[in-house]
Amino acid sequence: MHKMAVAITLAISLAAPASSAFADAFGAIAYSPSTHAIGTARNGITRRNAETTALKRCREKAADCRLVNWFGNACGALAAGPKGWGGHWGVGPGEAKKRALWMCSQKSSGCQILAVECTR
């Protein structure tokens, strides 16, 4: 009987939910087109938390900040040029940068990466 109880206990512990180390994490980037101020957030517990944090950090420097993008368990990037800006996300920083540069290039030439942020 004792061996059966150990086997059941082991089976239950193996079926337990995954650790919180694998919980979702959210990030966001905010940007002021007039002053080029930037606010970022990473590892927010919710999308809204990350967006609020990024906007707050940007608005400490400029009044016209707007949300560029948000991302979950990924990376986000912001690119800007003389006539516009663009933001995007990717599974890694390289992909996020590439996509942000592409978004910016739809509005401006000479785009450069201004910010990259990744969760965890």
PDB file of N, CA and C in Angstrom:
ATOM      1  N   MET A   1       0.807  -1.183   0.000  1.00  0.00           N
ATOM      2  CA  MET A   1       0.000   0.000   0.000  1.00  0.00           C
ATOM      3  C   MET A   1       0.853   1.252   0.000  1.00  0.00           C
ATOM      4  N   HIS A   2       1.924   1.233   0.762  1.00  0.00           N
ATOM      5  CA  HIS A   2       2.777   2.408   0.871  1.00  0.00           C
ATOM      6  C   HIS A   2       3.364   2.801  -0.490  1.00  0.00           C
ATOM      7  N   LYS A   3       3.792   1.829  -1.282  1.00  0.00           N
ATOM      8  CA  LYS A   3       4.348   2.113  -2.606  1.00  0.00           C
ATOM      9  C   LYS A   3       3.295   2.750  -3.511  1.00  0.00           C
ATOM     10  N   MET A   4       2.064   2.335  -3.373  1.00  0.00           N
ATOM     11  CA  MET A   4       0.973   2.886  -4.168  1.00  0.00           C
ATOM     12  C   MET A   4       0.756   4.353  -3.808  1.00  0.00           C
ATOM     13  N   ALA A   5       0.803   4.698  -2.537  1.00  0.00           N
ATOM     14  CA  ALA A   5       0.618   6.094  -2.100  1.00  0.00           C
ATOM     15  C   ALA A   5       1.740   6.976  -2.631  1.00  0.00           C
ATOM     16  N   VAL A   6       2.961   6.488  -2.626  1.00  0.00           N
ATOM     17  CA  VAL A   6       4.098   7.242  -3.156  1.00  0.00           C
ATOM     18  C   VAL A   6       3.924   7.464  -4.654  1.00  0.00           C
ATOM     19  N   ALA A   7       3.483   6.447  -5.373  1.00  0.00           N
ATOM     20  CA  ALA A   7       3.286   6.564  -6.818  1.00  0.00           C
ATOM     21  C   ALA A   7       2.188   7.578  -7.135  1.00  0.00           C
ATOM     22  N   ILE A   8       1.116   7.576  -6.372  1.00  0.00           N
ATOM     23  CA  ILE A   8       0.035   8.535  -6.603  1.00  0.00           C
ATOM     24  C   ILE A   8       0.500   9.953  -6.305  1.00  0.00           C
ATOM     25  N   THR A   9       1.228  10.131  -5.194  1.00  0.00           N
ATOM     26  CA  THR A   9       1.748  11.452  -4.836  1.00  0.00           C
ATOM     27  C   THR A   9       2.687  11.967  -5.917  1.00  0.00           C
ATOM     28  N   LEU A  10       3.548  11.110  -6.438  1.00  0.00           N
ATOM     29  CA  LEU A  10       4.471  11.494  -7.501  1.00  0.00           C
ATOM     30  C   LEU A  10       3.709  11.883  -8.760  1.00  0.00           C
ATOM     31  N   ALA A  11       2.705  11.140  -9.125  1.00  0.00           N
ATOM     32  CA  ALA A  11       1.910  11.441 -10.325  1.00  0.00           C
ATOM     33  C   ALA A  11       1.207  12.782 -10.188  1.00  0.00           C
ATOM     34  N   ILE A  12       0.677  13.067  -9.017  1.00  0.00           N
ATOM     35  CA  ILE A  12      -0.001  14.347  -8.793  1.00  0.00           C
ATOM     36  C   ILE A  12       0.989  15.496  -8.870  1.00  0.00           C
ATOM     37  N   SER A  13       2.161  15.352  -8.288  1.00  0.00           N
ATOM     38  CA  SER A  13       3.146  16.441  -8.310  1.00  0.00           C
ATOM     39  C   SER A  13       3.664  16.701  -9.721  1.00  0.00           C
ATOM     40  N   LEU A  14       3.763  15.678 -10.545  1.00  0.00           N
ATOM     41  CA  LEU A  14       4.217  15.867 -11.921  1.00  0.00           C
ATOM     42  C   LEU A  14       3.151  16.545 -12.768  1.00  0.00           C
ATOM     43  N   ALA A  15       1.887  16.394 -12.410  1.00  0.00           N
ATOM     44  CA  ALA A  15       0.800  16.998 -13.168  1.00  0.00           C
ATOM     45  C   ALA A  15       0.457  18.405 -12.681  1.00  0.00           C
ATOM     46  N   ALA A  16       1.171  18.902 -11.674  1.00  0.00           N
ATOM     47  CA  ALA A  16       0.893  20.231 -11.120  1.00  0.00           C
ATOM     48  C   ALA A  16       1.147  21.302 -12.172  1.00  0.00           C
ATOM     49  N   PRO A  17       0.478  22.458 -12.064  1.00  0.00           N
ATOM     50  CA  PRO A  17       0.669  23.547 -13.022  1.00  0.00           C
ATOM     51  C   PRO A  17       2.120  24.004 -13.075  1.00  0.00           C
ATOM     52  N   ALA A  18       2.489  24.567 -14.202  1.00  0.00           N
ATOM     53  CA  ALA A  18       3.857  25.051 -14.391  1.00  0.00           C
ATOM     54  C   ALA A  18       4.163  26.171 -13.411  1.00  0.00           C
ATOM     55  N   SER A  19       5.403  26.330 -13.121  1.00  0.00           N
ATOM     56  CA  SER A  19       5.870  27.373 -12.212  1.00  0.00           C
ATOM     57  C   SER A  19       5.567  28.758 -12.767  1.00  0.00           C
ATOM     58  N   SER A  20       5.471  29.749 -11.879  1.00  0.00           N
ATOM     59  CA  SER A  20       5.216  31.121 -12.312  1.00  0.00           C
ATOM     60  C   SER A  20       6.409  31.713 -13.055  1.00  0.00           C
ATOM     61  N   ALA A  21       7.536  31.016 -13.084  1.00  0.00           N
ATOM     62  CA  ALA A  21       8.689  31.482 -13.851  1.00  0.00           C
ATOM     63  C   ALA A  21       8.361  31.543 -15.334  1.00  0.00           C
ATOM     64  N   PHE A  22       7.305  30.838 -15.740  1.00  0.00           N
ATOM     65  CA  PHE A  22       6.914  30.827 -17.137  1.00  0.00           C
ATOM     66  C   PHE A  22       5.699  31.717 -17.402  1.00  0.00           C
ATOM     67  N   ALA A  23       5.382  32.590 -16.467  1.00  0.00           N
ATOM     68  CA  ALA A  23       4.226  33.474 -16.613  1.00  0.00           C
ATOM     69  C   ALA A  23       4.465  34.466 -17.742  1.00  0.00           C
ATOM     70  N   ASP A  24       3.367  34.948 -18.322  1.00  0.00           N
ATOM     71  CA  ASP A  24       3.467  35.949 -19.374  1.00  0.00           C
ATOM     72  C   ASP A  24       4.054  37.239 -18.821  1.00  0.00           C
ATOM     73  N   ALA A  25       4.836  37.916 -19.632  1.00  0.00           N
ATOM     74  CA  ALA A  25       5.399  39.221 -19.289  1.00  0.00           C
ATOM     75  C   ALA A  25       5.126  40.153 -20.461  1.00  0.00           C
ATOM     76  N   PHE A  26       4.751  41.385 -20.160  1.00  0.00           N
ATOM     77  CA  PHE A  26       4.389  42.348 -21.187  1.00  0.00           C
ATOM     78  C   PHE A  26       5.319  43.545 -21.153  1.00  0.00           C
ATOM     79  N   GLY A  27       5.563  44.103 -22.329  1.00  0.00           N
ATOM     80  CA  GLY A  27       6.369  45.307 -22.450  1.00  0.00           C
ATOM     81  C   GLY A  27       5.689  46.291 -23.376  1.00  0.00           C
ATOM     82  N   ALA A  28       6.178  47.528 -23.353  1.00  0.00           N
ATOM     83  CA  ALA A  28       5.610  48.567 -24.215  1.00  0.00           C
ATOM     84  C   ALA A  28       6.634  49.666 -24.430  1.00  0.00           C
ATOM     85  N   ILE A  29       6.433  50.415 -25.510  1.00  0.00           N
ATOM     86  CA  ILE A  29       7.281  51.574 -25.825  1.00  0.00           C
ATOM     87  C   ILE A  29       6.362  52.749 -26.148  1.00  0.00           C
ATOM     88  N   ALA A  30       6.678  53.907 -25.567  1.00  0.00           N
ATOM     89  CA  ALA A  30       5.955  55.145 -25.852  1.00  0.00           C
ATOM     90  C   ALA A  30       6.948  56.156 -26.402  1.00  0.00           C
ATOM     91  N   TYR A  31       6.445  57.100 -27.222  1.00  0.00           N
ATOM     92  CA  TYR A  31       7.327  58.026 -27.941  1.00  0.00           C
ATOM     93  C   TYR A  31       6.667  59.385 -28.120  1.00  0.00           C
ATOM     94  N   SER A  32       7.465  60.433 -28.001  1.00  0.00           N
ATOM     95  CA  SER A  32       7.021  61.794 -28.280  1.00  0.00           C
ATOM     96  C   SER A  32       7.597  62.223 -29.622  1.00  0.00           C
ATOM     97  N   PRO A  33       6.769  62.382 -30.645  1.00  0.00           N
ATOM     98  CA  PRO A  33       7.279  62.802 -31.956  1.00  0.00           C
ATOM     99  C   PRO A  33       7.921  64.190 -31.947  1.00  0.00           C
ATOM    100  N   SER A  34       7.458  65.078 -31.061  1.00  0.00           N
ATOM    101  CA  SER A  34       7.997  66.441 -31.068  1.00  0.00           C
ATOM    102  C   SER A  34       9.338  66.561 -30.355  1.00  0.00           C
ATOM    103  N   THR A  35       9.528  65.819 -29.260  1.00  0.00           N
ATOM    104  CA  THR A  35      10.776  65.944 -28.493  1.00  0.00           C
ATOM    105  C   THR A  35      11.675  64.721 -28.614  1.00  0.00           C
ATOM    106  N   HIS A  36      11.156  63.637 -29.159  1.00  0.00           N
ATOM    107  CA  HIS A  36      11.853  62.356 -29.293  1.00  0.00           C
ATOM    108  C   HIS A  36      12.097  61.680 -27.942  1.00  0.00           C
ATOM    109  N   ALA A  37      11.319  62.081 -26.926  1.00  0.00           N
ATOM    110  CA  ALA A  37      11.390  61.409 -25.625  1.00  0.00           C
ATOM    111  C   ALA A  37      10.827  60.000 -25.768  1.00  0.00           C
ATOM    112  N   ILE A  38      11.364  59.089 -24.975  1.00  0.00           N
ATOM    113  CA  ILE A  38      10.975  57.683 -25.043  1.00  0.00           C
ATOM    114  C   ILE A  38      10.709  57.176 -23.632  1.00  0.00           C
ATOM    115  N   GLY A  39       9.720  56.340 -23.503  1.00  0.00           N
ATOM    116  CA  GLY A  39       9.466  55.622 -22.258  1.00  0.00           C
ATOM    117  C   GLY A  39       9.276  54.160 -22.585  1.00  0.00           C
ATOM    118  N   THR A  40       9.885  53.303 -21.809  1.00  0.00           N
ATOM    119  CA  THR A  40       9.761  51.863 -22.051  1.00  0.00           C
ATOM    120  C   THR A  40       9.325  51.156 -20.773  1.00  0.00           C
ATOM    121  N   ALA A  41       8.802  49.975 -20.961  1.00  0.00           N
ATOM    122  CA  ALA A  41       8.448  49.105 -19.844  1.00  0.00           C
ATOM    123  C   ALA A  41       8.691  47.671 -20.270  1.00  0.00           C
ATOM    124  N   ARG A  42       9.086  46.852 -19.329  1.00  0.00           N
ATOM    125  CA  ARG A  42       9.244  45.431 -19.610  1.00  0.00           C
ATOM    126  C   ARG A  42       8.849  44.641 -18.374  1.00  0.00           C
ATOM    127  N   ASN A  43       8.436  43.436 -18.596  1.00  0.00           N
ATOM    128  CA  ASN A  43       8.034  42.538 -17.522  1.00  0.00           C
ATOM    129  C   ASN A  43       6.831  43.025 -16.731  1.00  0.00           C
ATOM    130  N   GLY A  44       5.926  43.722 -17.419  1.00  0.00           N
ATOM    131  CA  GLY A  44       4.661  44.088 -16.791  1.00  0.00           C
ATOM    132  C   GLY A  44       3.803  42.847 -16.607  1.00  0.00           C
ATOM    133  N   ILE A  45       2.956  42.880 -15.594  1.00  0.00           N
ATOM    134  CA  ILE A  45       2.125  41.700 -15.334  1.00  0.00           C
ATOM    135  C   ILE A  45       0.909  41.641 -16.250  1.00  0.00           C
ATOM    136  N   THR A  46       0.562  42.789 -16.852  1.00  0.00           N
ATOM    137  CA  THR A  46      -0.516  42.833 -17.838  1.00  0.00           C
ATOM    138  C   THR A  46      -0.100  43.781 -18.961  1.00  0.00           C
ATOM    139  N   ARG A  47      -0.806  43.684 -20.068  1.00  0.00           N
ATOM    140  CA  ARG A  47      -0.560  44.607 -21.180  1.00  0.00           C
ATOM    141  C   ARG A  47      -0.806  46.035 -20.716  1.00  0.00           C
ATOM    142  N   ARG A  48      -1.921  46.235 -20.039  1.00  0.00           N
ATOM    143  CA  ARG A  48      -2.277  47.588 -19.567  1.00  0.00           C
ATOM    144  C   ARG A  48      -1.210  48.151 -18.625  1.00  0.00           C
ATOM    145  N   ASN A  49      -0.684  47.314 -17.742  1.00  0.00           N
ATOM    146  CA  ASN A  49       0.373  47.734 -16.822  1.00  0.00           C
ATOM    147  C   ASN A  49       1.600  48.209 -17.584  1.00  0.00           C
ATOM    148  N   ALA A  50       2.014  47.463 -18.597  1.00  0.00           N
ATOM    149  CA  ALA A  50       3.183  47.835 -19.390  1.00  0.00           C
ATOM    150  C   ALA A  50       2.934  49.134 -20.158  1.00  0.00           C
ATOM    151  N   GLU A  51       1.763  49.263 -20.771  1.00  0.00           N
ATOM    152  CA  GLU A  51       1.444  50.476 -21.530  1.00  0.00           C
ATOM    153  C   GLU A  51       1.417  51.708 -20.622  1.00  0.00           C
ATOM    154  N   THR A  52       0.798  51.569 -19.459  1.00  0.00           N
ATOM    155  CA  THR A  52       0.716  52.678 -18.510  1.00  0.00           C
ATOM    156  C   THR A  52       2.100  53.109 -18.044  1.00  0.00           C
ATOM    157  N   THR A  53       2.956  52.150 -17.750  1.00  0.00           N
ATOM    158  CA  THR A  53       4.316  52.445 -17.289  1.00  0.00           C
ATOM    159  C   THR A  53       5.118  53.158 -18.375  1.00  0.00           C
ATOM    160  N   ALA A  54       5.060  52.654 -19.603  1.00  0.00           N
ATOM    161  CA  ALA A  54       5.808  53.277 -20.707  1.00  0.00           C
ATOM    162  C   ALA A  54       5.329  54.710 -20.946  1.00  0.00           C
ATOM    163  N   LEU A  55       4.020  54.916 -20.973  1.00  0.00           N
ATOM    164  CA  LEU A  55       3.482  56.266 -21.177  1.00  0.00           C
ATOM    165  C   LEU A  55       3.878  57.203 -20.036  1.00  0.00           C
ATOM    166  N   LYS A  56       3.817  56.720 -18.803  1.00  0.00           N
ATOM    167  CA  LYS A  56       4.194  57.537 -17.647  1.00  0.00           C
ATOM    168  C   LYS A  56       5.658  57.966 -17.742  1.00  0.00           C
ATOM    169  N   ARG A  57       6.524  57.031 -18.077  1.00  0.00           N
ATOM    170  CA  ARG A  57       7.957  57.345 -18.175  1.00  0.00           C
ATOM    171  C   ARG A  57       8.226  58.340 -19.298  1.00  0.00           C
ATOM    172  N   CYS A  58       7.526  58.214 -20.399  1.00  0.00           N
ATOM    173  CA  CYS A  58       7.702  59.149 -21.508  1.00  0.00           C
ATOM    174  C   CYS A  58       7.147  60.529 -21.130  1.00  0.00           C
ATOM    175  N   ARG A  59       5.976  60.549 -20.494  1.00  0.00           N
ATOM    176  CA  ARG A  59       5.327  61.816 -20.150  1.00  0.00           C
ATOM    177  C   ARG A  59       6.057  62.589 -19.057  1.00  0.00           C
ATOM    178  N   GLU A  60       6.996  61.950 -18.391  1.00  0.00           N
ATOM    179  CA  GLU A  60       7.851  62.674 -17.449  1.00  0.00           C
ATOM    180  C   GLU A  60       8.777  63.623 -18.206  1.00  0.00           C
ATOM    181  N   LYS A  61       8.937  63.394 -19.509  1.00  0.00           N
ATOM    182  CA  LYS A  61       9.839  64.194 -20.344  1.00  0.00           C
ATOM    183  C   LYS A  61       9.099  65.018 -21.399  1.00  0.00           C
ATOM    184  N   ALA A  62       7.897  64.602 -21.778  1.00  0.00           N
ATOM    185  CA  ALA A  62       7.159  65.289 -22.853  1.00  0.00           C
ATOM    186  C   ALA A  62       5.663  65.056 -22.696  1.00  0.00           C
ATOM    187  N   ALA A  63       4.884  66.020 -23.152  1.00  0.00           N
ATOM    188  CA  ALA A  63       3.426  65.944 -22.988  1.00  0.00           C
ATOM    189  C   ALA A  63       2.722  65.182 -24.108  1.00  0.00           C
ATOM    190  N   ASP A  64       3.335  65.078 -25.276  1.00  0.00           N
ATOM    191  CA  ASP A  64       2.638  64.486 -26.426  1.00  0.00           C
ATOM    192  C   ASP A  64       3.000  63.020 -26.690  1.00  0.00           C
ATOM    193  N   CYS A  65       3.363  62.306 -25.655  1.00  0.00           N
ATOM    194  CA  CYS A  65       3.744  60.897 -25.834  1.00  0.00           C
ATOM    195  C   CYS A  65       2.560  60.063 -26.283  1.00  0.00           C
ATOM    196  N   ARG A  66       2.858  59.121 -27.137  1.00  0.00           N
ATOM    197  CA  ARG A  66       1.837  58.175 -27.583  1.00  0.00           C
ATOM    198  C   ARG A  66       2.437  56.778 -27.581  1.00  0.00           C
ATOM    199  N   LEU A  67       1.570  55.819 -27.444  1.00  0.00           N
ATOM    200  CA  LEU A  67       2.011  54.432 -27.402  1.00  0.00           C
ATOM    201  C   LEU A  67       2.464  53.995 -28.790  1.00  0.00           C
ATOM    202  N   VAL A  68       3.656  53.452 -28.872  1.00  0.00           N
ATOM    203  CA  VAL A  68       4.202  52.952 -30.140  1.00  0.00           C
ATOM    204  C   VAL A  68       3.757  51.505 -30.349  1.00  0.00           C
ATOM    205  N   ASN A  69       3.991  50.675 -29.348  1.00  0.00           N
ATOM    206  CA  ASN A  69       3.599  49.267 -29.442  1.00  0.00           C
ATOM    207  C   ASN A  69       3.657  48.617 -28.072  1.00  0.00           C
ATOM    208  N   TRP A  70       3.075  47.437 -28.010  1.00  0.00           N
ATOM    209  CA  TRP A  70       3.173  46.589 -26.831  1.00  0.00           C
ATOM    210  C   TRP A  70       3.555  45.200 -27.328  1.00  0.00           C
ATOM    211  N   PHE A  71       4.079  44.376 -26.425  1.00  0.00           N
ATOM    212  CA  PHE A  71       4.511  43.031 -26.801  1.00  0.00           C
ATOM    213  C   PHE A  71       4.449  42.137 -25.576  1.00  0.00           C
ATOM    214  N   GLY A  72       4.207  40.878 -25.810  1.00  0.00           N
ATOM    215  CA  GLY A  72       4.143  39.897 -24.738  1.00  0.00           C
ATOM    216  C   GLY A  72       5.121  38.769 -24.995  1.00  0.00           C
ATOM    217  N   ASN A  73       5.964  38.494 -24.010  1.00  0.00           N
ATOM    218  CA  ASN A  73       6.975  37.438 -24.131  1.00  0.00           C
ATOM    219  C   ASN A  73       7.769  37.595 -25.425  1.00  0.00           C
ATOM    220  N   ALA A  74       8.186  38.819 -25.692  1.00  0.00           N
ATOM    221  CA  ALA A  74       8.864  39.133 -26.952  1.00  0.00           C
ATOM    222  C   ALA A  74       9.658  40.425 -26.783  1.00  0.00           C
ATOM    223  N   CYS A  75      10.015  41.035 -27.914  1.00  0.00           N
ATOM    224  CA  CYS A  75      10.738  42.306 -27.926  1.00  0.00           C
ATOM    225  C   CYS A  75       9.963  43.332 -28.751  1.00  0.00           C
ATOM    226  N   GLY A  76      10.169  44.585 -28.426  1.00  0.00           N
ATOM    227  CA  GLY A  76       9.590  45.673 -29.197  1.00  0.00           C
ATOM    228  C   GLY A  76      10.688  46.646 -29.577  1.00  0.00           C
ATOM    229  N   ALA A  77      10.473  47.372 -30.672  1.00  0.00           N
ATOM    230  CA  ALA A  77      11.472  48.346 -31.113  1.00  0.00           C
ATOM    231  C   ALA A  77      10.775  49.570 -31.692  1.00  0.00           C
ATOM    232  N   LEU A  78      11.488  50.683 -31.647  1.00  0.00           N
ATOM    233  CA  LEU A  78      11.035  51.954 -32.194  1.00  0.00           C
ATOM    234  C   LEU A  78      12.110  52.480 -33.131  1.00  0.00           C
ATOM    235  N   ALA A  79      11.707  52.886 -34.315  1.00  0.00           N
ATOM    236  CA  ALA A  79      12.617  53.510 -35.274  1.00  0.00           C
ATOM    237  C   ALA A  79      12.018  54.851 -35.683  1.00  0.00           C
ATOM    238  N   ALA A  80      12.878  55.835 -35.934  1.00  0.00           N
ATOM    239  CA  ALA A  80      12.388  57.152 -36.354  1.00  0.00           C
ATOM    240  C   ALA A  80      13.314  57.737 -37.402  1.00  0.00           C
ATOM    241  N   GLY A  81      12.719  58.551 -38.264  1.00  0.00           N
ATOM    242  CA  GLY A  81      13.445  59.284 -39.290  1.00  0.00           C
ATOM    243  C   GLY A  81      12.959  60.722 -39.283  1.00  0.00           C
ATOM    244  N   PRO A  82      13.459  61.553 -40.188  1.00  0.00           N
ATOM    245  CA  PRO A  82      13.090  62.966 -40.213  1.00  0.00           C
ATOM    246  C   PRO A  82      11.598  63.224 -40.443  1.00  0.00           C
ATOM    247  N   LYS A  83      10.916  62.313 -41.103  1.00  0.00           N
ATOM    248  CA  LYS A  83       9.507  62.560 -41.447  1.00  0.00           C
ATOM    249  C   LYS A  83       8.525  61.571 -40.830  1.00  0.00           C
ATOM    250  N   GLY A  84       8.969  60.774 -39.897  1.00  0.00           N
ATOM    251  CA  GLY A  84       8.047  59.830 -39.285  1.00  0.00           C
ATOM    252  C   GLY A  84       8.741  58.791 -38.440  1.00  0.00           C
ATOM    253  N   TRP A  85       7.942  57.923 -37.876  1.00  0.00           N
ATOM    254  CA  TRP A  85       8.454  56.870 -36.992  1.00  0.00           C
ATOM    255  C   TRP A  85       7.610  55.613 -37.155  1.00  0.00           C
ATOM    256  N   GLY A  86       8.121  54.514 -36.634  1.00  0.00           N
ATOM    257  CA  GLY A  86       7.388  53.254 -36.671  1.00  0.00           C
ATOM    258  C   GLY A  86       7.856  52.339 -35.568  1.00  0.00           C
ATOM    259  N   GLY A  87       6.973  51.537 -35.092  1.00  0.00           N
ATOM    260  CA  GLY A  87       7.304  50.569 -34.045  1.00  0.00           C
ATOM    261  C   GLY A  87       6.728  49.222 -34.388  1.00  0.00           C
ATOM    262  N   HIS A  88       7.360  48.187 -33.875  1.00  0.00           N
ATOM    263  CA  HIS A  88       6.872  46.835 -34.114  1.00  0.00           C
ATOM    264  C   HIS A  88       7.467  45.915 -33.057  1.00  0.00           C
ATOM    265  N   TRP A  89       7.090  44.653 -33.119  1.00  0.00           N
ATOM    266  CA  TRP A  89       7.589  43.656 -32.180  1.00  0.00           C
ATOM    267  C   TRP A  89       8.157  42.474 -32.938  1.00  0.00           C
ATOM    268  N   GLY A  90       8.872  41.609 -32.224  1.00  0.00           N
ATOM    269  CA  GLY A  90       9.411  40.383 -32.795  1.00  0.00           C
ATOM    270  C   GLY A  90       9.774  39.417 -31.686  1.00  0.00           C
ATOM    271  N   VAL A  91      10.042  38.181 -32.052  1.00  0.00           N
ATOM    272  CA  VAL A  91      10.401  37.191 -31.039  1.00  0.00           C
ATOM    273  C   VAL A  91      11.759  37.475 -30.411  1.00  0.00           C
ATOM    274  N   GLY A  92      12.588  38.221 -31.103  1.00  0.00           N
ATOM    275  CA  GLY A  92      13.889  38.624 -30.580  1.00  0.00           C
ATOM    276  C   GLY A  92      14.169  40.064 -30.975  1.00  0.00           C
ATOM    277  N   PRO A  93      15.237  40.661 -30.429  1.00  0.00           N
ATOM    278  CA  PRO A  93      15.527  42.062 -30.730  1.00  0.00           C
ATOM    279  C   PRO A  93      15.816  42.333 -32.202  1.00  0.00           C
ATOM    280  N   GLY A  94      16.485  41.419 -32.881  1.00  0.00           N
ATOM    281  CA  GLY A  94      16.792  41.610 -34.296  1.00  0.00           C
ATOM    282  C   GLY A  94      15.534  41.703 -35.152  1.00  0.00           C
ATOM    283  N   GLU A  95      14.599  40.809 -34.899  1.00  0.00           N
ATOM    284  CA  GLU A  95      13.349  40.811 -35.657  1.00  0.00           C
ATOM    285  C   GLU A  95      12.533  42.074 -35.353  1.00  0.00           C
ATOM    286  N   ALA A  96      12.491  42.480 -34.091  1.00  0.00           N
ATOM    287  CA  ALA A  96      11.747  43.698 -33.719  1.00  0.00           C
ATOM    288  C   ALA A  96      12.359  44.926 -34.398  1.00  0.00           C
ATOM    289  N   LYS A  97      13.672  45.024 -34.425  1.00  0.00           N
ATOM    290  CA  LYS A  97      14.348  46.157 -35.079  1.00  0.00           C
ATOM    291  C   LYS A  97      14.047  46.194 -36.570  1.00  0.00           C
ATOM    292  N   LYS A  98      14.151  45.028 -37.209  1.00  0.00           N
ATOM    293  CA  LYS A  98      13.905  44.940 -38.648  1.00  0.00           C
ATOM    294  C   LYS A  98      12.486  45.395 -38.989  1.00  0.00           C
ATOM    295  N   ARG A  99      11.524  44.935 -38.209  1.00  0.00           N
ATOM    296  CA  ARG A  99      10.131  45.302 -38.468  1.00  0.00           C
ATOM    297  C   ARG A  99       9.873  46.785 -38.183  1.00  0.00           C
ATOM    298  N   ALA A 100      10.487  47.320 -37.121  1.00  0.00           N
ATOM    299  CA  ALA A 100      10.311  48.746 -36.798  1.00  0.00           C
ATOM    300  C   ALA A 100      10.915  49.618 -37.894  1.00  0.00           C
ATOM    301  N   LEU A 101      12.073  49.227 -38.404  1.00  0.00           N
ATOM    302  CA  LEU A 101      12.690  49.981 -39.501  1.00  0.00           C
ATOM    303  C   LEU A 101      11.802  49.948 -40.744  1.00  0.00           C
ATOM    304  N   TRP A 102      11.200  48.805 -41.009  1.00  0.00           N
ATOM    305  CA  TRP A 102      10.302  48.703 -42.164  1.00  0.00           C
ATOM    306  C   TRP A 102       9.086  49.614 -41.979  1.00  0.00           C
ATOM    307  N   MET A 103       8.493  49.599 -40.792  1.00  0.00           N
ATOM    308  CA  MET A 103       7.334  50.460 -40.520  1.00  0.00           C
ATOM    309  C   MET A 103       7.711  51.932 -40.684  1.00  0.00           C
ATOM    310  N   CYS A 104       8.846  52.325 -40.168  1.00  0.00           N
ATOM    311  CA  CYS A 104       9.306  53.708 -40.276  1.00  0.00           C
ATOM    312  C   CYS A 104       9.563  54.080 -41.733  1.00  0.00           C
ATOM    313  N   SER A 105      10.125  53.159 -42.488  1.00  0.00           N
ATOM    314  CA  SER A 105      10.467  53.447 -43.890  1.00  0.00           C
ATOM    315  C   SER A 105       9.231  53.722 -44.747  1.00  0.00           C
ATOM    316  N   GLN A 106       8.047  53.352 -44.270  1.00  0.00           N
ATOM    317  CA  GLN A 106       6.819  53.650 -44.992  1.00  0.00           C
ATOM    318  C   GLN A 106       6.469  55.143 -44.903  1.00  0.00           C
ATOM    319  N   LYS A 107       7.101  55.854 -43.954  1.00  0.00           N
ATOM    320  CA  LYS A 107       6.816  57.274 -43.726  1.00  0.00           C
ATOM    321  C   LYS A 107       8.022  58.180 -43.959  1.00  0.00           C
ATOM    322  N   SER A 108       9.214  57.614 -43.826  1.00  0.00           N
ATOM    323  CA  SER A 108      10.411  58.449 -43.851  1.00  0.00           C
ATOM    324  C   SER A 108      11.612  57.663 -44.365  1.00  0.00           C
ATOM    325  N   SER A 109      12.583  58.385 -44.876  1.00  0.00           N
ATOM    326  CA  SER A 109      13.870  57.768 -45.181  1.00  0.00           C
ATOM    327  C   SER A 109      14.802  58.052 -44.006  1.00  0.00           C
ATOM    328  N   GLY A 110      15.931  57.415 -43.983  1.00  0.00           N
ATOM    329  CA  GLY A 110      16.915  57.672 -42.932  1.00  0.00           C
ATOM    330  C   GLY A 110      16.481  57.223 -41.551  1.00  0.00           C
ATOM    331  N   CYS A 111      15.671  56.194 -41.458  1.00  0.00           N
ATOM    332  CA  CYS A 111      15.193  55.718 -40.161  1.00  0.00           C
ATOM    333  C   CYS A 111      16.316  55.056 -39.365  1.00  0.00           C
ATOM    334  N   GLN A 112      16.293  55.298 -38.056  1.00  0.00           N
ATOM    335  CA  GLN A 112      17.261  54.684 -37.155  1.00  0.00           C
ATOM    336  C   GLN A 112      16.533  54.147 -35.930  1.00  0.00           C
ATOM    337  N   ILE A 113      17.064  53.099 -35.363  1.00  0.00           N
ATOM    338  CA  ILE A 113      16.483  52.513 -34.155  1.00  0.00           C
ATOM    339  C   ILE A 113      16.765  53.441 -32.980  1.00  0.00           C
ATOM    340  N   LEU A 114      15.693  53.781 -32.248  1.00  0.00           N
ATOM    341  CA  LEU A 114      15.817  54.633 -31.060  1.00  0.00           C
ATOM    342  C   LEU A 114      15.670  53.857 -29.771  1.00  0.00           C
ATOM    343  N   ALA A 115      14.931  52.750 -29.813  1.00  0.00           N
ATOM    344  CA  ALA A 115      14.722  51.964 -28.593  1.00  0.00           C
ATOM    345  C   ALA A 115      14.419  50.519 -28.929  1.00  0.00           C
ATOM    346  N   VAL A 116      14.899  49.653 -28.080  1.00  0.00           N
ATOM    347  CA  VAL A 116      14.592  48.216 -28.142  1.00  0.00           C
ATOM    348  C   VAL A 116      14.382  47.764 -26.705  1.00  0.00           C
ATOM    349  N   GLU A 117      13.339  47.006 -26.480  1.00  0.00           N
ATOM    350  CA  GLU A 117      13.055  46.482 -25.132  1.00  0.00           C
ATOM    351  C   GLU A 117      12.549  45.067 -25.274  1.00  0.00           C
ATOM    352  N   CYS A 118      12.981  44.195 -24.387  1.00  0.00           N
ATOM    353  CA  CYS A 118      12.526  42.809 -24.399  1.00  0.00           C
ATOM    354  C   CYS A 118      12.046  42.404 -23.015  1.00  0.00           C
ATOM    355  N   THR A 119      11.059  41.532 -22.983  1.00  0.00           N
ATOM    356  CA  THR A 119      10.624  40.989 -21.705  1.00  0.00           C
ATOM    357  C   THR A 119      11.613  39.900 -21.306  1.00  0.00           C
ATOM    358  N   ARG A 120      11.832  39.779 -20.038  1.00  0.00           N
ATOM    359  CA  ARG A 120      12.739  38.786 -19.433  1.00  0.00           C
ATOM    360  C   ARG A 120      14.058  38.659 -20.135  1.00  0.00           C
TER     361      ARG A 120
END
